[in-house]
Amino acid sequence: MTTHKARITVHNLEALLPTYEPIIYYQLYRLHLYSRFRSYKDDFLQEGRMAIWSALNSFDESKGTKLTTYINVVVRNALLNYVRSMKLYQNERNITFDEQYYSVDFEEPTESMEELIDTYAPVNHKSILYNYFVEGLTQQDVADKAEVSQQWVSTIIKKFREKLQAEWL
């Protein structure tokens, strides 16, 4: 029996993007790209969003990989390919681009979102954010588990996203 996978449309992507967009900020931080190429922030975000769309369309759960891990790898590769294709590292005051330092590790740690949550979330919000971003629970499921309202979970997630954007962009 073959399974039919639904393609992600632009409309669907707009609904899904807020969930996975923090991965872009994490990769910009991890690769030190934003600090070195601040003027390309919009380009990095667009490349990251396109990579998320691509990852959502090409993800195959039968391979045994978590979706967030797969998206991390695809976004990281897209950002690195963008830097290489634009030869950005040659435009920044002759700073050499150390390929070894930025080498792609296909054993992407699954704790990348956990690191962002540990670093930027208030202590009392960490379990809610972990359940939503890492475990992939719906806002209502997270609210039920934490015994709070769905609106409160939504507010915590929104504030966390805003904090990441303020920190990295």
C-alpha atoms as a PDB file:
ATOM      1  CA  MET A   1       0.000   0.000   0.000  1.00  0.00           C
ATOM      2  CA  THR A   2       1.390   3.382  -0.934  1.00  0.00           C
ATOM      3  CA  THR A   3       0.684   6.488   1.047  1.00  0.00           C
ATOM      4  CA  HIS A   4      -0.056   9.791  -0.597  1.00  0.00           C
ATOM      5  CA  LYS A   5       1.731  12.747   0.920  1.00  0.00           C
ATOM      6  CA  ALA A   6      -0.002  16.107   0.738  1.00  0.00           C
ATOM      7  CA  ARG A   7       2.051  18.892  -0.800  1.00  0.00           C
ATOM      8  CA  ILE A   8       2.556  21.988   1.295  1.00  0.00           C
ATOM      9  CA  THR A   9       1.002  24.988  -0.448  1.00  0.00           C
ATOM     10  CA  VAL A  10       1.872  28.611   0.203  1.00  0.00           C
ATOM     11  CA  HIS A  11      -1.331  28.914   2.249  1.00  0.00           C
ATOM     12  CA  ASN A  12      -0.406  25.872   4.365  1.00  0.00           C
ATOM     13  CA  LEU A  13       3.142  27.164   4.727  1.00  0.00           C
ATOM     14  CA  GLU A  14       1.928  30.442   6.208  1.00  0.00           C
ATOM     15  CA  ALA A  15       0.177  28.471   8.935  1.00  0.00           C
ATOM     16  CA  LEU A  16       3.160  26.154   9.581  1.00  0.00           C
ATOM     17  CA  LEU A  17       5.995  28.664   9.285  1.00  0.00           C
ATOM     18  CA  PRO A  18       5.663  30.229  12.755  1.00  0.00           C
ATOM     19  CA  THR A  19       6.221  26.790  14.275  1.00  0.00           C
ATOM     20  CA  TYR A  20       9.496  26.128  12.450  1.00  0.00           C
ATOM     21  CA  GLU A  21      10.876  29.647  11.911  1.00  0.00           C
ATOM     22  CA  PRO A  22      12.863  29.631  15.195  1.00  0.00           C
ATOM     23  CA  ILE A  23      15.089  27.012  13.546  1.00  0.00           C
ATOM     24  CA  ILE A  24      16.301  29.725  11.156  1.00  0.00           C
ATOM     25  CA  TYR A  25      17.330  31.934  14.074  1.00  0.00           C
ATOM     26  CA  TYR A  26      19.032  29.021  15.767  1.00  0.00           C
ATOM     27  CA  GLN A  27      21.064  28.218  12.644  1.00  0.00           C
ATOM     28  CA  LEU A  28      22.004  31.873  12.123  1.00  0.00           C
ATOM     29  CA  TYR A  29      23.256  31.889  15.711  1.00  0.00           C
ATOM     30  CA  ARG A  30      25.012  28.537  15.475  1.00  0.00           C
ATOM     31  CA  LEU A  31      26.797  29.397  12.225  1.00  0.00           C
ATOM     32  CA  HIS A  32      27.662  32.941  13.362  1.00  0.00           C
ATOM     33  CA  LEU A  33      26.142  34.243  10.146  1.00  0.00           C
ATOM     34  CA  TYR A  34      23.995  37.041  11.473  1.00  0.00           C
ATOM     35  CA  SER A  35      26.827  38.645  13.406  1.00  0.00           C
ATOM     36  CA  ARG A  36      29.096  38.535  10.351  1.00  0.00           C
ATOM     37  CA  PHE A  37      26.571  39.357   7.623  1.00  0.00           C
ATOM     38  CA  ARG A  38      24.024  41.572   9.374  1.00  0.00           C
ATOM     39  CA  SER A  39      23.051  43.399   6.178  1.00  0.00           C
ATOM     40  CA  TYR A  40      21.789  40.140   4.637  1.00  0.00           C
ATOM     41  CA  LYS A  41      19.203  39.429   7.362  1.00  0.00           C
ATOM     42  CA  ASP A  42      16.192  39.486   5.016  1.00  0.00           C
ATOM     43  CA  ASP A  43      17.983  37.240   2.537  1.00  0.00           C
ATOM     44  CA  PHE A  44      18.846  34.736   5.261  1.00  0.00           C
ATOM     45  CA  LEU A  45      15.248  34.676   6.477  1.00  0.00           C
ATOM     46  CA  GLN A  46      13.924  34.126   2.959  1.00  0.00           C
ATOM     47  CA  GLU A  47      16.445  31.348   2.287  1.00  0.00           C
ATOM     48  CA  GLY A  48      15.510  29.734   5.584  1.00  0.00           C
ATOM     49  CA  ARG A  49      11.788  29.940   4.844  1.00  0.00           C
ATOM     50  CA  MET A  50      12.271  28.413   1.416  1.00  0.00           C
ATOM     51  CA  ALA A  51      14.325  25.642   3.001  1.00  0.00           C
ATOM     52  CA  ILE A  52      11.552  24.946   5.511  1.00  0.00           C
ATOM     53  CA  TRP A  53       9.038  24.713   2.669  1.00  0.00           C
ATOM     54  CA  SER A  54      11.326  22.339   0.824  1.00  0.00           C
ATOM     55  CA  ALA A  55      11.896  20.233   3.926  1.00  0.00           C
ATOM     56  CA  LEU A  56       8.186  19.976   4.681  1.00  0.00           C
ATOM     57  CA  ASN A  57       7.526  18.820   1.116  1.00  0.00           C
ATOM     58  CA  SER A  58      10.353  16.289   1.023  1.00  0.00           C
ATOM     59  CA  PHE A  59      10.245  14.873   4.552  1.00  0.00           C
ATOM     60  CA  ASP A  60       9.872  11.113   4.693  1.00  0.00           C
ATOM     61  CA  GLU A  61       9.014   9.875   8.164  1.00  0.00           C
ATOM     62  CA  SER A  62       9.776   6.288   7.140  1.00  0.00           C
ATOM     63  CA  LYS A  63      13.492   7.200   7.263  1.00  0.00           C
ATOM     64  CA  GLY A  64      13.298   7.341  11.066  1.00  0.00           C
ATOM     65  CA  THR A  65      14.323  10.979  11.467  1.00  0.00           C
ATOM     66  CA  LYS A  66      12.390  13.568  13.464  1.00  0.00           C
ATOM     67  CA  LEU A  67      10.903  16.369  11.379  1.00  0.00           C
ATOM     68  CA  THR A  68      12.645  19.106  13.374  1.00  0.00           C
ATOM     69  CA  THR A  69      16.010  17.402  12.932  1.00  0.00           C
ATOM     70  CA  TYR A  70      15.450  17.150   9.190  1.00  0.00           C
ATOM     71  CA  ILE A  71      14.376  20.802   8.959  1.00  0.00           C
ATOM     72  CA  ASN A  72      17.483  21.839  10.942  1.00  0.00           C
ATOM     73  CA  VAL A  73      19.761  20.101   8.448  1.00  0.00           C
ATOM     74  CA  VAL A  74      17.936  21.465   5.394  1.00  0.00           C
ATOM     75  CA  VAL A  75      17.896  25.038   6.751  1.00  0.00           C
ATOM     76  CA  ARG A  76      21.556  24.857   7.737  1.00  0.00           C
ATOM     77  CA  ASN A  77      22.561  23.589   4.298  1.00  0.00           C
ATOM     78  CA  ALA A  78      20.467  26.262   2.571  1.00  0.00           C
ATOM     79  CA  LEU A  79      22.069  29.053   4.596  1.00  0.00           C
ATOM     80  CA  LEU A  80      25.570  27.718   3.963  1.00  0.00           C
ATOM     81  CA  ASN A  81      24.859  27.305   0.251  1.00  0.00           C
ATOM     82  CA  TYR A  82      23.582  30.870   0.118  1.00  0.00           C
ATOM     83  CA  VAL A  83      26.738  32.181   1.765  1.00  0.00           C
ATOM     84  CA  ARG A  84      28.886  30.172  -0.631  1.00  0.00           C
ATOM     85  CA  SER A  85      26.920  31.101  -3.755  1.00  0.00           C
ATOM     86  CA  MET A  86      27.005  34.814  -2.998  1.00  0.00           C
ATOM     87  CA  LYS A  87      30.652  34.638  -1.947  1.00  0.00           C
ATOM     88  CA  LEU A  88      29.673  36.768   1.044  1.00  0.00           C
ATOM     89  CA  TYR A  89      32.737  35.779   2.993  1.00  0.00           C
ATOM     90  CA  GLN A  90      34.933  37.514   0.398  1.00  0.00           C
ATOM     91  CA  ASN A  91      33.043  40.797   0.783  1.00  0.00           C
ATOM     92  CA  GLU A  92      33.523  41.154   4.524  1.00  0.00           C
ATOM     93  CA  ARG A  93      36.852  42.909   5.025  1.00  0.00           C
ATOM     94  CA  ASN A  94      38.820  39.957   3.648  1.00  0.00           C
ATOM     95  CA  ILE A  95      37.801  37.613   6.436  1.00  0.00           C
ATOM     96  CA  THR A  96      38.572  34.107   5.322  1.00  0.00           C
ATOM     97  CA  PHE A  97      35.741  31.637   5.291  1.00  0.00           C
ATOM     98  CA  ASP A  98      36.840  28.516   7.103  1.00  0.00           C
ATOM     99  CA  GLU A  99      34.935  25.679   5.386  1.00  0.00           C
ATOM    100  CA  GLN A 100      36.034  23.269   8.118  1.00  0.00           C
ATOM    101  CA  TYR A 101      34.438  25.463  10.781  1.00  0.00           C
ATOM    102  CA  TYR A 102      31.154  25.620   8.871  1.00  0.00           C
ATOM    103  CA  SER A 103      31.148  22.014   7.688  1.00  0.00           C
ATOM    104  CA  VAL A 104      27.769  20.376   7.546  1.00  0.00           C
ATOM    105  CA  ASP A 105      27.144  17.776  10.191  1.00  0.00           C
ATOM    106  CA  PHE A 106      24.389  15.412   9.108  1.00  0.00           C
ATOM    107  CA  GLU A 107      24.153  14.125  12.656  1.00  0.00           C
ATOM    108  CA  GLU A 108      22.322  17.305  13.637  1.00  0.00           C
ATOM    109  CA  PRO A 109      21.652  17.237  17.377  1.00  0.00           C
ATOM    110  CA  THR A 110      17.979  16.992  18.178  1.00  0.00           C
ATOM    111  CA  GLU A 111      18.454  19.323  21.110  1.00  0.00           C
ATOM    112  CA  SER A 112      18.803  22.464  18.950  1.00  0.00           C
ATOM    113  CA  MET A 113      15.367  23.772  19.899  1.00  0.00           C
ATOM    114  CA  GLU A 114      16.055  22.667  23.452  1.00  0.00           C
ATOM    115  CA  GLU A 115      19.171  24.862  23.466  1.00  0.00           C
ATOM    116  CA  LEU A 116      17.163  27.873  22.302  1.00  0.00           C
ATOM    117  CA  ILE A 117      14.520  27.217  24.922  1.00  0.00           C
ATOM    118  CA  ASP A 118      17.123  26.727  27.668  1.00  0.00           C
ATOM    119  CA  THR A 119      18.936  29.906  26.666  1.00  0.00           C
ATOM    120  CA  TYR A 120      16.084  32.327  25.984  1.00  0.00           C
ATOM    121  CA  ALA A 121      12.954  31.121  27.756  1.00  0.00           C
ATOM    122  CA  PRO A 122      12.015  32.047  31.309  1.00  0.00           C
ATOM    123  CA  VAL A 123      12.243  29.069  33.654  1.00  0.00           C
ATOM    124  CA  ASN A 124       8.498  28.840  34.184  1.00  0.00           C
ATOM    125  CA  HIS A 125       7.833  28.720  30.407  1.00  0.00           C
ATOM    126  CA  LYS A 126      10.405  26.093  29.419  1.00  0.00           C
ATOM    127  CA  SER A 127       8.188  23.030  29.779  1.00  0.00           C
ATOM    128  CA  ILE A 128       5.406  24.635  27.734  1.00  0.00           C
ATOM    129  CA  LEU A 129       7.814  25.644  24.969  1.00  0.00           C
ATOM    130  CA  TYR A 130       9.511  22.233  25.044  1.00  0.00           C
ATOM    131  CA  ASN A 131       6.189  20.434  24.690  1.00  0.00           C
ATOM    132  CA  TYR A 132       5.162  22.668  21.793  1.00  0.00           C
ATOM    133  CA  PHE A 133       8.400  22.981  19.799  1.00  0.00           C
ATOM    134  CA  VAL A 134      10.243  19.757  20.605  1.00  0.00           C
ATOM    135  CA  GLU A 135       7.470  17.286  21.321  1.00  0.00           C
ATOM    136  CA  GLY A 136       5.211  18.746  18.621  1.00  0.00           C
ATOM    137  CA  LEU A 137       2.087  18.900  20.775  1.00  0.00           C
ATOM    138  CA  THR A 138      -0.733  21.221  19.774  1.00  0.00           C
ATOM    139  CA  GLN A 139      -1.328  24.346  21.814  1.00  0.00           C
ATOM    140  CA  GLN A 140      -4.451  22.770  23.285  1.00  0.00           C
ATOM    141  CA  ASP A 141      -2.574  19.587  24.245  1.00  0.00           C
ATOM    142  CA  VAL A 142       0.161  21.666  25.873  1.00  0.00           C
ATOM    143  CA  ALA A 143      -2.463  23.695  27.733  1.00  0.00           C
ATOM    144  CA  ASP A 144      -4.190  20.555  28.978  1.00  0.00           C
ATOM    145  CA  LYS A 145      -0.896  19.045  30.117  1.00  0.00           C
ATOM    146  CA  ALA A 146       0.172  22.225  31.952  1.00  0.00           C
ATOM    147  CA  GLU A 147      -3.336  22.899  33.246  1.00  0.00           C
ATOM    148  CA  VAL A 148      -3.450  26.395  31.760  1.00  0.00           C
ATOM    149  CA  SER A 149      -5.550  27.983  29.017  1.00  0.00           C
ATOM    150  CA  GLN A 150      -4.737  27.572  25.334  1.00  0.00           C
ATOM    151  CA  GLN A 151      -4.604  31.376  25.074  1.00  0.00           C
ATOM    152  CA  TRP A 152      -1.861  31.476  27.735  1.00  0.00           C
ATOM    153  CA  VAL A 153       0.157  28.888  25.783  1.00  0.00           C
ATOM    154  CA  SER A 154      -0.306  30.969  22.622  1.00  0.00           C
ATOM    155  CA  THR A 155       0.929  34.079  24.451  1.00  0.00           C
ATOM    156  CA  ILE A 156       4.023  32.281  25.773  1.00  0.00           C
ATOM    157  CA  ILE A 157       4.868  30.975  22.290  1.00  0.00           C
ATOM    158  CA  LYS A 158       4.348  34.432  20.756  1.00  0.00           C
ATOM    159  CA  LYS A 159       6.597  36.104  23.343  1.00  0.00           C
ATOM    160  CA  PHE A 160       9.289  33.464  22.817  1.00  0.00           C
ATOM    161  CA  ARG A 161       9.246  34.053  19.055  1.00  0.00           C
ATOM    162  CA  GLU A 162       9.443  37.807  19.596  1.00  0.00           C
ATOM    163  CA  LYS A 163      12.392  37.349  21.941  1.00  0.00           C
ATOM    164  CA  LEU A 164      14.229  35.240  19.353  1.00  0.00           C
ATOM    165  CA  GLN A 165      13.543  37.799  16.639  1.00  0.00           C
ATOM    166  CA  ALA A 166      14.715  40.655  18.849  1.00  0.00           C
ATOM    167  CA  GLU A 167      17.841  38.746  19.806  1.00  0.00           C
ATOM    168  CA  TRP A 168      18.883  37.628  16.329  1.00  0.00           C
ATOM    169  CA  LEU A 169      17.334  40.178  14.023  1.00  0.00           C
END
